[in-house]
């Protein structure tokens, strides 16, 4: 089972970090207020939906 990592923000700096984590076999959960930033990762990560808890 892959280690799971949560990541907030996949913009200019976060996206390359998430790509590296995925390349090294981590399971990544992401959350971002910008849907366009999340779109490239839709098939590779778990996406935390907006809203809900704090």
Protein backbone atom coordinates (compact mmCIF):
# COMPACT_ATOMS: atom_id res chain seq x y z
CA UNK A 1 0.00 0.00 0.00
CA UNK A 2 1.35 3.42 -1.00
CA UNK A 3 1.92 6.09 1.58
CA UNK A 4 -0.78 8.78 1.41
CA UNK A 5 0.12 12.47 1.34
CA UNK A 6 -2.28 15.43 1.50
CA UNK A 7 -1.46 18.53 -0.51
CA UNK A 8 -3.18 21.92 -0.44
CA UNK A 9 -2.67 24.07 -3.50
CA UNK A 10 -1.49 22.75 -6.85
CA UNK A 11 -0.65 25.99 -8.59
CA UNK A 12 2.70 27.13 -9.93
CA UNK A 13 4.73 25.70 -7.04
CA UNK A 14 2.48 22.87 -5.84
CA UNK A 15 1.88 21.13 -9.17
CA UNK A 16 5.54 20.13 -9.72
CA UNK A 17 5.73 18.87 -6.14
CA UNK A 18 2.62 16.72 -6.62
CA UNK A 19 4.02 15.32 -9.89
CA UNK A 20 7.23 14.29 -8.09
CA UNK A 21 5.29 12.63 -5.28
CA UNK A 22 3.24 10.68 -7.84
CA UNK A 23 6.40 9.68 -9.72
CA UNK A 24 7.81 8.26 -6.49
CA UNK A 25 4.73 6.13 -5.82
CA UNK A 26 2.86 8.20 -3.25
CA UNK A 27 -0.93 8.32 -3.16
CA UNK A 28 -1.79 12.03 -3.19
CA UNK A 29 -4.94 13.76 -1.95
CA UNK A 30 -5.21 17.33 -3.21
CA UNK A 31 -7.37 20.33 -2.47
CA UNK A 32 -7.36 23.62 -4.35
CA UNK A 33 -9.88 26.44 -4.74
CA UNK A 34 -9.05 26.65 -8.45
CA UNK A 35 -10.68 23.83 -10.44
CA UNK A 36 -8.38 24.51 -13.41
CA UNK A 37 -5.32 23.76 -11.27
CA UNK A 38 -6.80 20.40 -10.23
CA UNK A 39 -7.87 19.32 -13.74
CA UNK A 40 -4.48 17.87 -14.86
CA UNK A 41 -4.46 15.54 -11.84
CA UNK A 42 -8.04 14.22 -11.97
CA UNK A 43 -7.01 10.74 -13.14
CA UNK A 44 -4.03 10.37 -10.79
CA UNK A 45 -5.09 11.64 -7.36
CA UNK A 46 -7.91 11.75 -4.86
CA UNK A 47 -9.47 15.22 -5.00
CA UNK A 48 -10.88 16.69 -1.82
CA UNK A 49 -14.03 18.56 -2.78
CA UNK A 50 -14.56 22.15 -1.69
CA UNK A 51 -16.80 22.74 1.29
CA UNK A 52 -17.35 20.38 4.15
CA UNK A 53 -15.34 20.54 7.35
CA UNK A 54 -12.72 22.97 8.40
